[in-house]
Amino acid sequence: MAQPIPDLTLRDQPDWAGAAEVLIEGCAHLPSREDRVRWMERLCLSLGDALYPAFLQVLCRIGEHGNPQAQAAVADTLVLALQSGRLPSGRHAAWGAQWDASVRATRTMGPIEYLCAWFAQPDGRGTLGAVAFDQAARALVGLVSHSEAARRLYCAKLHSVADDPLDGAWTRSSRHALQAMALSWSQADPEPYRAATQAVEAFMAACRHGEQSAPAATVGALAQGWIPPASWR
């Protein structure tokens, strides 16, 4: 039986390395597949929607600094979470809500989609700048790429999101960028971080192309500098 995870809050200087070790320990050493998925799921749930970027930071920390065994253990747990429909997700403002304060609609998004939405469709927390997005997305996509099964499943997930114009979460140009990311990732070099580089560059290139034909208000919002939320620092 997995030990309960207490409610978490962020200190002024969060111990990202310690949090990453907690997640790795559960993914690597808990005895059953169900226990490992529940461990990841509960760690995310204990943070809540407001601190979901902190969960992403933990995943990125593992993607950037974990050893191959640790990265594979977390990626394999992500496979199990994807297969069971329990991928830890956060809420992001649906398209339109970020420009109209009277609109409160949100959508639940997995880690990679959430980062992409934060960059391409910023909400009330401020814009995620290109440098910050590039670093975080490469770490996260590289982490997932340590499992070929996870990469295949996540590519299929991104294709599904991009092909659904009625969902309301994404603009047409953002869906096109997700499609470009999924296609590039599915065809990329099998080495995890080369695969991540190709996928993230494809997404950003598609976003830049979309900006050229976007309405002025949208271009202005995308051009803002990054205003880092406290939960990301």
Protein backbone atom coordinates (compact mmCIF):
# COMPACT_ATOMS: atom_id res chain seq x y z
CA MET A 1 0.00 0.00 0.00
CA ALA A 2 1.42 3.38 -1.01
CA GLN A 3 1.94 5.86 1.80
CA PRO A 4 -0.39 8.91 1.68
CA ILE A 5 1.08 12.09 0.25
CA PRO A 6 0.39 15.15 2.41
CA ASP A 7 -1.02 18.38 0.98
CA LEU A 8 1.83 20.35 -0.53
CA THR A 9 2.60 24.04 -0.66
CA LEU A 10 5.56 25.85 -2.18
CA ARG A 11 8.21 27.53 -0.09
CA ASP A 12 10.05 30.64 -1.24
CA GLN A 13 12.82 28.33 -2.51
CA PRO A 14 11.18 24.99 -3.35
CA ASP A 15 13.26 21.83 -3.11
CA TRP A 16 12.76 20.72 -6.71
CA ALA A 17 15.44 18.04 -6.45
CA GLY A 18 13.82 16.56 -3.35
CA ALA A 19 10.38 16.56 -4.97
CA ALA A 20 11.81 14.87 -8.06
CA GLU A 21 13.38 12.17 -5.88
CA VAL A 22 10.02 11.53 -4.20
CA LEU A 23 8.34 11.00 -7.57
CA ILE A 24 11.18 8.81 -8.86
CA GLU A 25 11.14 6.62 -5.74
CA GLY A 26 7.47 5.84 -6.18
CA CYS A 27 7.71 5.23 -9.93
CA ALA A 28 10.76 2.99 -9.55
CA HIS A 29 10.05 1.01 -6.39
CA LEU A 30 6.33 0.72 -5.63
CA PRO A 31 5.31 -2.91 -6.14
CA SER A 32 2.41 -2.68 -8.59
CA ARG A 33 1.47 -0.73 -11.70
CA GLU A 34 -1.60 0.61 -9.92
CA ASP A 35 0.48 1.85 -6.98
CA ARG A 36 2.87 3.68 -9.30
CA VAL A 37 0.10 5.43 -11.23
CA ARG A 38 -1.68 6.32 -8.01
CA TRP A 39 1.55 7.77 -6.59
CA MET A 40 1.99 10.11 -9.56
CA GLU A 41 -1.71 10.92 -9.65
CA ARG A 42 -1.89 11.78 -5.96
CA LEU A 43 1.27 13.87 -6.04
CA CYS A 44 -0.32 15.98 -8.76
CA LEU A 45 -3.73 16.13 -7.04
CA SER A 46 -2.17 17.17 -3.74
CA LEU A 47 -0.76 20.27 -5.44
CA GLY A 48 -4.08 21.22 -7.04
CA ASP A 49 -4.80 23.22 -10.17
CA ALA A 50 -3.13 26.40 -8.93
CA LEU A 51 0.18 24.61 -8.40
CA TYR A 52 0.02 22.34 -11.45
CA PRO A 53 3.01 24.22 -12.97
CA ALA A 54 5.00 23.01 -9.94
CA PHE A 55 4.21 19.41 -10.92
CA LEU A 56 5.47 20.20 -14.43
CA GLN A 57 8.62 21.66 -12.92
CA VAL A 58 9.23 18.38 -11.10
CA LEU A 59 8.82 16.42 -14.34
CA CYS A 60 11.13 18.84 -16.14
CA ARG A 61 13.72 18.48 -13.38
CA ILE A 62 13.71 14.72 -13.93
CA GLY A 63 13.86 15.22 -17.68
CA GLU A 64 16.88 17.51 -17.38
CA HIS A 65 18.84 15.93 -14.52
CA GLY A 66 17.59 12.39 -13.87
CA ASN A 67 19.76 9.42 -14.76
CA PRO A 68 18.47 7.14 -17.55
CA GLN A 69 17.01 4.62 -15.11
CA ALA A 70 15.06 7.30 -13.24
CA GLN A 71 13.83 8.85 -16.48
CA ALA A 72 12.72 5.46 -17.80
CA ALA A 73 10.86 4.67 -14.56
CA VAL A 74 8.90 7.92 -14.73
CA ALA A 75 8.26 7.56 -18.48
CA ASP A 76 6.98 4.00 -17.95
CA THR A 77 4.59 5.27 -15.27
CA LEU A 78 3.36 7.91 -17.70
CA VAL A 79 2.61 5.08 -20.16
CA LEU A 80 0.45 3.36 -17.53
CA ALA A 81 -1.30 6.64 -16.75
CA LEU A 82 -1.98 7.27 -20.44
CA GLN A 83 -3.30 3.75 -20.96
CA SER A 84 -5.70 4.06 -18.03
CA GLY A 85 -6.85 7.61 -18.84
CA ARG A 86 -5.32 8.94 -15.61
CA LEU A 87 -2.56 11.18 -16.92
CA PRO A 88 -2.04 13.94 -14.31
CA SER A 89 -3.63 17.04 -15.79
CA GLY A 90 -4.13 20.72 -15.03
CA ARG A 91 -6.77 23.27 -15.99
CA HIS A 92 -6.06 25.99 -18.51
CA ALA A 93 -8.40 28.68 -19.81
CA ALA A 94 -10.27 27.66 -22.95
CA TRP A 95 -9.82 29.72 -26.09
CA GLY A 96 -11.68 33.01 -25.68
CA ALA A 97 -11.54 32.96 -21.88
CA GLN A 98 -8.06 34.48 -21.87
CA TRP A 99 -9.29 37.55 -23.77
CA ASP A 100 -12.74 37.97 -22.20
CA ALA A 101 -12.88 38.25 -18.41
CA SER A 102 -16.55 37.26 -18.46
CA VAL A 103 -15.68 33.84 -19.88
CA ARG A 104 -14.65 31.32 -17.19
CA ALA A 105 -14.41 28.13 -19.23
CA THR A 106 -11.38 25.93 -18.63
CA ARG A 107 -10.16 22.68 -20.13
CA THR A 108 -8.20 19.85 -18.54
CA MET A 109 -4.86 19.29 -20.27
CA GLY A 110 -1.99 16.85 -19.86
CA PRO A 111 1.56 18.10 -19.19
CA ILE A 112 2.70 18.72 -22.77
CA GLU A 113 -0.58 20.26 -23.97
CA TYR A 114 -0.66 22.48 -20.88
CA LEU A 115 2.80 23.87 -21.63
CA CYS A 116 1.84 24.40 -25.28
CA ALA A 117 -1.36 26.23 -24.31
CA TRP A 118 0.48 28.37 -21.77
CA PHE A 119 2.91 29.45 -24.48
CA ALA A 120 0.53 29.82 -27.43
CA GLN A 121 -2.66 30.87 -25.61
CA PRO A 122 -1.67 32.67 -22.39
CA ASP A 123 -4.32 33.18 -19.72
CA GLY A 124 -4.52 35.35 -16.61
CA ARG A 125 -1.23 34.02 -15.20
CA GLY A 126 0.77 35.75 -17.91
CA THR A 127 2.68 34.57 -20.95
CA LEU A 128 5.21 31.74 -20.92
CA GLY A 129 8.05 33.18 -22.97
CA ALA A 130 9.76 31.39 -25.83
CA VAL A 131 13.00 30.63 -23.96
CA ALA A 132 11.20 29.24 -20.91
CA PHE A 133 8.82 27.21 -23.09
CA ASP A 134 11.65 25.81 -25.20
CA GLN A 135 13.61 24.66 -22.16
CA ALA A 136 10.64 23.17 -20.34
CA ALA A 137 9.08 21.52 -23.39
CA ARG A 138 12.35 19.89 -24.46
CA ALA A 139 12.82 18.48 -20.96
CA LEU A 140 9.27 17.16 -20.81
CA VAL A 141 9.10 15.75 -24.35
CA GLY A 142 12.57 14.24 -23.84
CA LEU A 143 11.42 12.59 -20.61
CA VAL A 144 8.37 11.02 -22.27
CA SER A 145 10.58 9.89 -25.17
CA HIS A 146 12.50 7.58 -22.83
CA SER A 147 9.62 5.16 -23.37
CA GLU A 148 8.81 4.36 -26.99
CA ALA A 149 5.31 3.29 -25.91
CA ALA A 150 4.79 6.62 -24.15
CA ARG A 151 5.96 8.52 -27.21
CA ARG A 152 3.54 6.63 -29.49
CA LEU A 153 0.63 7.10 -27.10
CA TYR A 154 1.33 10.77 -26.54
CA CYS A 155 1.67 11.46 -30.26
CA ALA A 156 -1.72 9.82 -30.77
CA LYS A 157 -3.12 11.95 -27.95
CA LEU A 158 -1.82 15.18 -29.52
CA HIS A 159 -3.21 14.19 -32.92
CA SER A 160 -6.59 13.54 -31.30
CA VAL A 161 -6.61 16.93 -29.58
CA ALA A 162 -5.55 18.71 -32.77
CA ASP A 163 -8.23 16.98 -34.83
CA ASP A 164 -11.11 18.08 -32.56
CA PRO A 165 -12.25 21.58 -33.63
CA LEU A 166 -15.31 21.41 -31.35
CA ASP A 167 -13.41 21.02 -28.09
CA GLY A 168 -13.12 24.79 -27.65
CA ALA A 169 -9.73 24.70 -25.97
CA TRP A 170 -7.59 25.65 -28.95
CA THR A 171 -7.45 28.14 -31.78
CA ARG A 172 -7.13 26.83 -35.30
CA SER A 173 -3.48 27.92 -35.48
CA SER A 174 -2.69 26.24 -32.13
CA ARG A 175 -4.28 22.99 -33.29
CA HIS A 176 -2.13 23.19 -36.41
CA ALA A 177 0.96 23.65 -34.22
CA LEU A 178 0.01 20.63 -32.08
CA GLN A 179 -0.41 18.61 -35.25
CA ALA A 180 3.05 19.68 -36.41
CA MET A 181 4.55 18.71 -33.07
CA ALA A 182 2.89 15.29 -33.08
CA LEU A 183 3.94 14.54 -36.67
CA SER A 184 7.53 15.63 -36.10
CA TRP A 185 7.76 13.72 -32.81
CA SER A 186 6.38 10.52 -34.30
CA GLN A 187 8.98 10.63 -37.09
CA ALA A 188 11.87 11.96 -35.02
CA ASP A 189 15.23 10.45 -34.15
CA PRO A 190 14.80 7.75 -31.47
CA GLU A 191 17.35 9.45 -29.18
CA PRO A 192 15.09 11.17 -26.59
CA TYR A 193 16.50 14.68 -26.63
CA ARG A 194 17.04 14.87 -30.36
CA ALA A 195 13.41 13.77 -30.69
CA ALA A 196 12.39 16.49 -28.22
CA THR A 197 14.33 19.15 -30.10
CA GLN A 198 12.67 18.25 -33.40
CA ALA A 199 9.17 18.15 -31.89
CA VAL A 200 9.46 21.43 -29.98
CA GLU A 201 11.04 23.26 -32.91
CA ALA A 202 8.19 22.07 -35.15
CA PHE A 203 5.62 23.43 -32.68
CA MET A 204 7.34 26.79 -32.33
CA ALA A 205 7.81 27.17 -36.09
CA ALA A 206 4.10 26.50 -36.62
CA CYS A 207 3.24 29.05 -33.92
CA ARG A 208 5.40 31.68 -35.60
CA HIS A 209 3.69 30.98 -38.91
CA GLY A 210 0.30 31.35 -37.23
CA GLU A 211 1.28 34.68 -35.69
CA GLN A 212 1.90 36.16 -39.14
CA SER A 213 -1.79 35.85 -40.00
CA ALA A 214 -3.27 36.28 -36.51
CA PRO A 215 -5.36 39.29 -35.45
CA ALA A 216 -3.32 42.12 -33.93
CA ALA A 217 -4.63 41.51 -30.38
CA THR A 218 -3.52 37.90 -30.51
CA VAL A 219 -0.07 38.77 -31.84
CA GLY A 220 0.33 41.35 -29.10
CA ALA A 221 -0.50 38.86 -26.39
CA LEU A 222 1.89 36.26 -27.77
CA ALA A 223 4.66 38.86 -27.99
CA GLN A 224 4.56 39.75 -24.30
CA GLY A 225 7.60 38.88 -22.20
CA TRP A 226 7.32 36.03 -19.75
CA ILE A 227 5.72 37.00 -16.43
CA PRO A 228 6.75 34.02 -14.31
CA PRO A 229 4.06 32.93 -11.84
CA ALA A 230 5.28 32.39 -8.30
CA SER A 231 4.54 28.67 -8.59
CA TRP A 232 7.05 28.32 -11.44
CA ARG A 233 9.97 30.00 -9.66
